[in-house]
Amino acid sequence: MSAPTAPLPVRAVLVTGAARRLGREISLQFARAGWDVLAHYRHAEAEAQALQADVERLGRRCHLLRADLAQPEAACGLLRQASTLHGAPPHCIVNNASIFEADDARSASAAGLMQHFATNCATPLLLANALAGLLAAGGQPSGGRHSVVHVLDQKVHNLNPDYFSYTVSKLALAQSVALQAQALAPWVRVCGLSPGLMYLSGPQTQDNFERASRVNLLREPLDPAQVARCVVFIAETPALSGTTLQADNGQHLVPLARDVMFAVDEGLTR
């Protein structure tokens, strides 16, 4: 008789911006799929603790990690914390945290551009690079078991000039997906996920959101749980690398001259 094989270690996911909104939903979906969660937050300590309790009620471990992702050494420090708490590098990193501040091309400042770029692009890229470095130093590739998912935005496929600094930072990250997948293979798979409007954003009222959330091919609000399940699907599907899934009810195929929250009030949708 052959010797029994050793059980695979419990997988862990590091989710940035895990305490609220889509980050929370992603964390819970991973927990339901049997993953432990390393939940990053910046200021939302109470929400992070509530998430931790919910993940533990699902029978999974949840460690909380606090960091300001705009800081130059944030990526290395966060990955070091996560690896220490889990006892090994995480099997997946979901770069979900982002800054979303209103500006346009004429009002964009150097400080605003750099702040958006640091949090929304540079630190996500550096987290992926650092994970690949740890794995390469540790031995043989694991056959696609390690992955990074960069959360993007349907705006990168459907441009309008609103939220200029935010959009530029997400465009840079989106264009890095295939490049980074090539650069970090075979240690880490890199994919993107582009969701559409799911939550109240910026100056939106509830009425504005109700109307804007239906500006997509299905004319229905986008379910965050479905978007979060797409992230788990990427993490659990080794065949996926260097590609971006667009989970937005087809919103990216409805071009608008303004961001959808402004377009619905200006009568630019139909």
Protein backbone atom coordinates (compact mmCIF):
# COMPACT_ATOMS: atom_id res chain seq x y z
CA MET A 1 0.00 0.00 0.00
CA SER A 2 1.22 3.50 -0.78
CA ALA A 3 1.92 5.85 2.10
CA PRO A 4 -0.83 8.39 2.78
CA THR A 5 -0.15 11.81 1.35
CA ALA A 6 0.19 14.73 3.72
CA PRO A 7 -2.80 17.08 3.76
CA LEU A 8 -2.34 20.35 1.96
CA PRO A 9 -1.94 23.35 4.27
CA VAL A 10 -4.97 25.55 4.84
CA ARG A 11 -4.97 28.29 2.24
CA ALA A 12 -4.93 31.90 3.35
CA VAL A 13 -5.86 35.06 1.48
CA LEU A 14 -4.63 38.57 2.22
CA VAL A 15 -7.36 41.08 1.36
CA THR A 16 -6.52 44.78 1.43
CA GLY A 17 -9.31 47.12 2.44
CA ALA A 18 -11.09 44.11 3.92
CA ALA A 19 -13.23 45.77 6.56
CA ARG A 20 -15.86 47.38 4.37
CA ARG A 21 -17.89 47.03 1.19
CA LEU A 22 -16.42 44.74 -1.47
CA GLY A 23 -13.37 43.87 0.64
CA ARG A 24 -15.64 42.52 3.37
CA GLU A 25 -17.67 40.51 0.87
CA ILE A 26 -14.52 39.06 -0.70
CA SER A 27 -13.21 38.05 2.71
CA LEU A 28 -16.45 36.28 3.62
CA GLN A 29 -16.62 34.46 0.29
CA PHE A 30 -13.09 33.15 0.78
CA ALA A 31 -13.98 32.02 4.30
CA ARG A 32 -17.03 30.17 2.98
CA ALA A 33 -14.74 28.46 0.47
CA GLY A 34 -12.50 27.20 3.30
CA TRP A 35 -9.77 29.84 3.29
CA ASP A 36 -8.30 31.61 6.29
CA VAL A 37 -8.38 35.40 5.98
CA LEU A 38 -5.68 37.99 6.59
CA ALA A 39 -7.75 41.17 6.70
CA HIS A 40 -6.00 44.49 6.11
CA TYR A 41 -7.53 47.77 7.19
CA ARG A 42 -6.32 51.34 7.73
CA HIS A 43 -8.82 53.21 9.94
CA ALA A 44 -11.90 50.97 10.14
CA GLU A 45 -10.92 49.05 13.27
CA ALA A 46 -14.45 48.38 14.52
CA GLU A 47 -15.57 47.11 11.11
CA ALA A 48 -12.44 44.96 10.87
CA GLN A 49 -13.19 43.39 14.24
CA ALA A 50 -16.78 42.70 13.13
CA LEU A 51 -15.43 41.00 10.00
CA GLN A 52 -13.06 38.92 12.10
CA ALA A 53 -15.97 37.69 14.22
CA ASP A 54 -18.01 36.82 11.13
CA VAL A 55 -15.14 34.89 9.53
CA GLU A 56 -14.55 32.96 12.75
CA ARG A 57 -18.26 32.10 12.93
CA LEU A 58 -17.75 30.46 9.54
CA GLY A 59 -15.07 28.23 11.09
CA ARG A 60 -12.03 29.96 9.60
CA ARG A 61 -9.24 31.96 11.19
CA CYS A 62 -9.04 35.72 10.62
CA HIS A 63 -6.04 37.88 11.49
CA LEU A 64 -6.25 41.68 11.34
CA LEU A 65 -3.41 43.76 9.87
CA ARG A 66 -3.31 47.53 10.02
CA ALA A 67 -1.29 49.56 7.50
CA ASP A 68 -1.31 52.76 5.47
CA LEU A 69 -0.83 51.54 1.90
CA ALA A 70 0.31 54.97 0.73
CA GLN A 71 3.58 54.59 2.64
CA PRO A 72 6.67 53.54 0.64
CA GLU A 73 7.42 50.43 2.72
CA ALA A 74 3.79 49.36 3.15
CA ALA A 75 3.97 46.36 0.81
CA CYS A 76 6.97 44.67 2.40
CA GLY A 77 5.73 45.35 5.92
CA LEU A 78 2.22 44.09 5.22
CA LEU A 79 3.39 40.90 3.52
CA ARG A 80 5.84 40.26 6.35
CA GLN A 81 3.04 40.60 8.91
CA ALA A 82 0.74 38.35 6.91
CA SER A 83 3.36 35.64 6.45
CA THR A 84 4.24 35.67 10.14
CA LEU A 85 0.62 35.43 11.28
CA HIS A 86 -0.21 32.64 8.84
CA GLY A 87 3.11 30.84 9.25
CA ALA A 88 3.78 30.99 5.49
CA PRO A 89 3.19 33.40 2.62
CA PRO A 90 -0.51 33.76 1.73
CA HIS A 91 -1.74 31.71 -1.21
CA CYS A 92 -3.58 34.72 -2.63
CA ILE A 93 -3.40 38.49 -2.33
CA VAL A 94 -6.47 40.51 -3.31
CA ASN A 95 -5.53 44.15 -3.90
CA ASN A 96 -8.91 45.66 -3.18
CA ALA A 97 -8.11 48.83 -1.19
CA SER A 98 -8.19 52.06 -3.14
CA ILE A 99 -8.52 55.82 -2.86
CA PHE A 100 -11.45 57.36 -4.80
CA GLU A 101 -11.31 61.14 -4.65
CA ALA A 102 -13.11 63.46 -7.02
CA ASP A 103 -11.10 65.58 -9.45
CA ASP A 104 -10.75 66.24 -13.16
CA ALA A 105 -7.78 66.91 -15.41
CA ARG A 106 -7.75 70.63 -14.65
CA SER A 107 -8.07 70.26 -10.88
CA ALA A 108 -5.73 67.25 -10.48
CA SER A 109 -2.74 68.02 -8.29
CA ALA A 110 0.67 66.41 -8.04
CA ALA A 111 -0.09 65.35 -4.47
CA GLY A 112 -3.44 63.85 -5.46
CA LEU A 113 -1.99 61.96 -8.39
CA MET A 114 0.84 60.56 -6.27
CA GLN A 115 -1.49 59.58 -3.45
CA HIS A 116 -3.82 57.70 -5.80
CA PHE A 117 -0.91 56.06 -7.58
CA ALA A 118 0.75 54.94 -4.34
CA THR A 119 -2.32 53.23 -2.89
CA ASN A 120 -4.11 52.13 -6.05
CA CYS A 121 -1.16 50.97 -8.15
CA ALA A 122 2.33 51.01 -6.64
CA THR A 123 1.61 49.11 -3.42
CA PRO A 124 -0.51 46.43 -5.18
CA LEU A 125 2.30 45.84 -7.68
CA LEU A 126 4.92 45.73 -4.92
CA LEU A 127 2.85 43.28 -2.87
CA ALA A 128 2.72 40.91 -5.83
CA ASN A 129 6.43 41.31 -6.51
CA ALA A 130 7.28 40.64 -2.87
CA LEU A 131 5.12 37.51 -2.76
CA ALA A 132 6.87 36.13 -5.83
CA GLY A 133 10.23 36.93 -4.26
CA LEU A 134 9.37 35.00 -1.10
CA LEU A 135 8.17 32.00 -3.05
CA ALA A 136 11.16 31.98 -5.40
CA ALA A 137 13.50 32.03 -2.41
CA GLY A 138 11.66 29.12 -0.85
CA GLY A 139 11.86 26.45 -3.53
CA GLN A 140 9.84 24.96 -6.35
CA PRO A 141 6.76 26.63 -7.86
CA SER A 142 3.46 25.29 -6.53
CA GLY A 143 1.70 24.74 -9.85
CA GLY A 144 -0.35 27.92 -9.84
CA ARG A 145 -1.57 27.69 -6.24
CA HIS A 146 -0.36 31.23 -5.50
CA SER A 147 -2.12 34.17 -7.10
CA VAL A 148 -2.69 37.91 -6.97
CA VAL A 149 -5.93 39.59 -7.98
CA HIS A 150 -5.86 43.31 -8.74
CA VAL A 151 -9.32 44.80 -8.29
CA LEU A 152 -9.80 47.34 -11.08
CA ASP A 153 -12.94 49.17 -12.27
CA GLN A 154 -15.15 48.95 -15.34
CA LYS A 155 -14.01 52.55 -16.00
CA VAL A 156 -10.69 51.26 -17.35
CA HIS A 157 -12.62 49.63 -20.23
CA ASN A 158 -15.14 52.46 -20.62
CA LEU A 159 -13.40 55.79 -20.20
CA ASN A 160 -14.88 59.07 -19.10
CA PRO A 161 -12.93 62.05 -17.74
CA ASP A 162 -14.40 62.18 -14.21
CA TYR A 163 -12.30 61.07 -11.21
CA PHE A 164 -9.17 61.72 -13.23
CA SER A 165 -6.47 60.75 -10.71
CA TYR A 166 -8.34 57.64 -9.62
CA THR A 167 -8.86 56.55 -13.22
CA VAL A 168 -5.22 57.11 -14.17
CA SER A 169 -4.08 54.97 -11.22
CA LYS A 170 -6.46 52.16 -12.13
CA LEU A 171 -5.46 52.34 -15.80
CA ALA A 172 -1.83 51.89 -14.79
CA LEU A 173 -2.71 48.86 -12.66
CA ALA A 174 -4.89 47.37 -15.40
CA GLN A 175 -2.11 47.66 -17.96
CA SER A 176 0.26 45.95 -15.52
CA VAL A 177 -1.77 42.74 -15.18
CA ALA A 178 -0.40 40.90 -18.20
CA LEU A 179 3.09 42.35 -17.77
CA GLN A 180 3.30 41.30 -14.14
CA ALA A 181 1.89 37.86 -14.90
CA GLN A 182 4.77 37.37 -17.34
CA ALA A 183 7.33 38.80 -14.93
CA LEU A 184 6.30 36.75 -11.89
CA ALA A 185 5.68 33.39 -13.58
CA PRO A 186 5.90 30.58 -12.59
CA TRP A 187 5.74 31.65 -8.95
CA VAL A 188 2.60 33.76 -8.90
CA ARG A 189 -0.38 34.07 -11.20
CA VAL A 190 -1.63 37.64 -11.68
CA CYS A 191 -5.15 38.51 -12.81
CA GLY A 192 -7.45 41.50 -12.77
CA LEU A 193 -11.10 41.87 -11.85
CA SER A 194 -13.14 44.83 -13.08
CA PRO A 195 -16.40 45.34 -11.18
CA GLY A 196 -19.06 47.90 -11.91
CA LEU A 197 -21.08 50.12 -9.59
CA MET A 198 -22.08 48.21 -6.43
CA TYR A 199 -22.24 50.73 -3.58
CA LEU A 200 -22.98 54.37 -2.94
CA SER A 201 -19.89 56.27 -4.06
CA GLY A 202 -18.64 59.81 -3.58
CA PRO A 203 -21.48 62.36 -3.45
CA GLN A 204 -24.23 59.96 -4.53
CA THR A 205 -27.66 60.04 -2.93
CA GLN A 206 -29.64 56.84 -2.50
CA ASP A 207 -31.99 57.91 -5.29
CA ASN A 208 -29.07 58.57 -7.62
CA PHE A 209 -27.58 55.17 -6.78
CA GLU A 210 -30.87 53.36 -7.42
CA ARG A 211 -30.99 54.83 -10.93
CA ALA A 212 -27.27 54.59 -11.71
CA SER A 213 -27.01 50.97 -10.55
CA ARG A 214 -29.30 49.93 -13.42
CA VAL A 215 -27.23 51.54 -16.17
CA ASN A 216 -25.83 48.29 -17.53
CA LEU A 217 -26.82 45.69 -20.10
CA LEU A 218 -28.97 43.75 -17.62
CA ARG A 219 -30.61 46.90 -16.21
CA GLU A 220 -30.25 45.40 -12.75
CA PRO A 221 -28.09 46.32 -9.73
CA LEU A 222 -24.82 44.41 -9.52
CA ASP A 223 -24.66 41.87 -6.67
CA PRO A 224 -21.38 42.28 -4.73
CA ALA A 225 -21.52 38.61 -3.69
CA GLN A 226 -21.29 37.58 -7.34
CA VAL A 227 -18.29 39.84 -7.85
CA ALA A 228 -16.61 38.40 -4.75
CA ARG A 229 -17.21 34.84 -5.97
CA CYS A 230 -15.33 35.76 -9.14
CA VAL A 231 -12.28 36.59 -7.02
CA VAL A 232 -12.44 33.16 -5.35
CA PHE A 233 -12.84 31.57 -8.78
CA ILE A 234 -9.65 33.24 -10.00
CA ALA A 235 -7.75 32.15 -6.88
CA GLU A 236 -8.91 28.55 -7.25
CA THR A 237 -8.37 28.23 -11.02
CA PRO A 238 -4.68 27.74 -11.89
CA ALA A 239 -5.37 28.07 -15.62
CA LEU A 240 -6.05 31.79 -15.22
CA SER A 241 -3.08 34.14 -15.45
CA GLY A 242 -2.58 37.50 -17.11
CA THR A 243 -6.28 37.98 -17.78
CA THR A 244 -8.99 40.27 -16.44
CA LEU A 245 -12.56 39.25 -15.65
CA GLN A 246 -15.20 41.93 -16.13
CA ALA A 247 -17.93 41.42 -13.53
CA ASP A 248 -20.23 44.39 -14.02
CA ASN A 249 -23.56 43.27 -15.55
CA GLY A 250 -22.13 44.58 -18.83
CA GLN A 251 -21.73 48.16 -17.59
CA HIS A 252 -18.47 48.56 -19.53
CA LEU A 253 -20.46 48.15 -22.76
CA VAL A 254 -22.65 51.18 -22.01
CA PRO A 255 -20.44 54.19 -22.90
CA LEU A 256 -21.19 57.49 -21.16
CA ALA A 257 -19.66 60.95 -21.44
CA ARG A 258 -19.63 61.34 -17.63
CA ASP A 259 -19.30 59.06 -14.65
CA VAL A 260 -22.61 57.21 -14.29
CA MET A 261 -23.52 59.04 -11.04
CA PHE A 262 -23.41 62.36 -12.91
CA ALA A 263 -24.80 61.03 -16.19
CA VAL A 264 -28.10 59.89 -14.69
CA ASP A 265 -28.77 63.37 -13.27
CA GLU A 266 -27.77 65.11 -16.50
CA GLY A 267 -30.07 62.95 -18.63
CA LEU A 268 -27.19 61.32 -20.51
CA THR A 269 -28.51 57.76 -20.07
CA ARG A 270 -31.48 56.07 -21.60
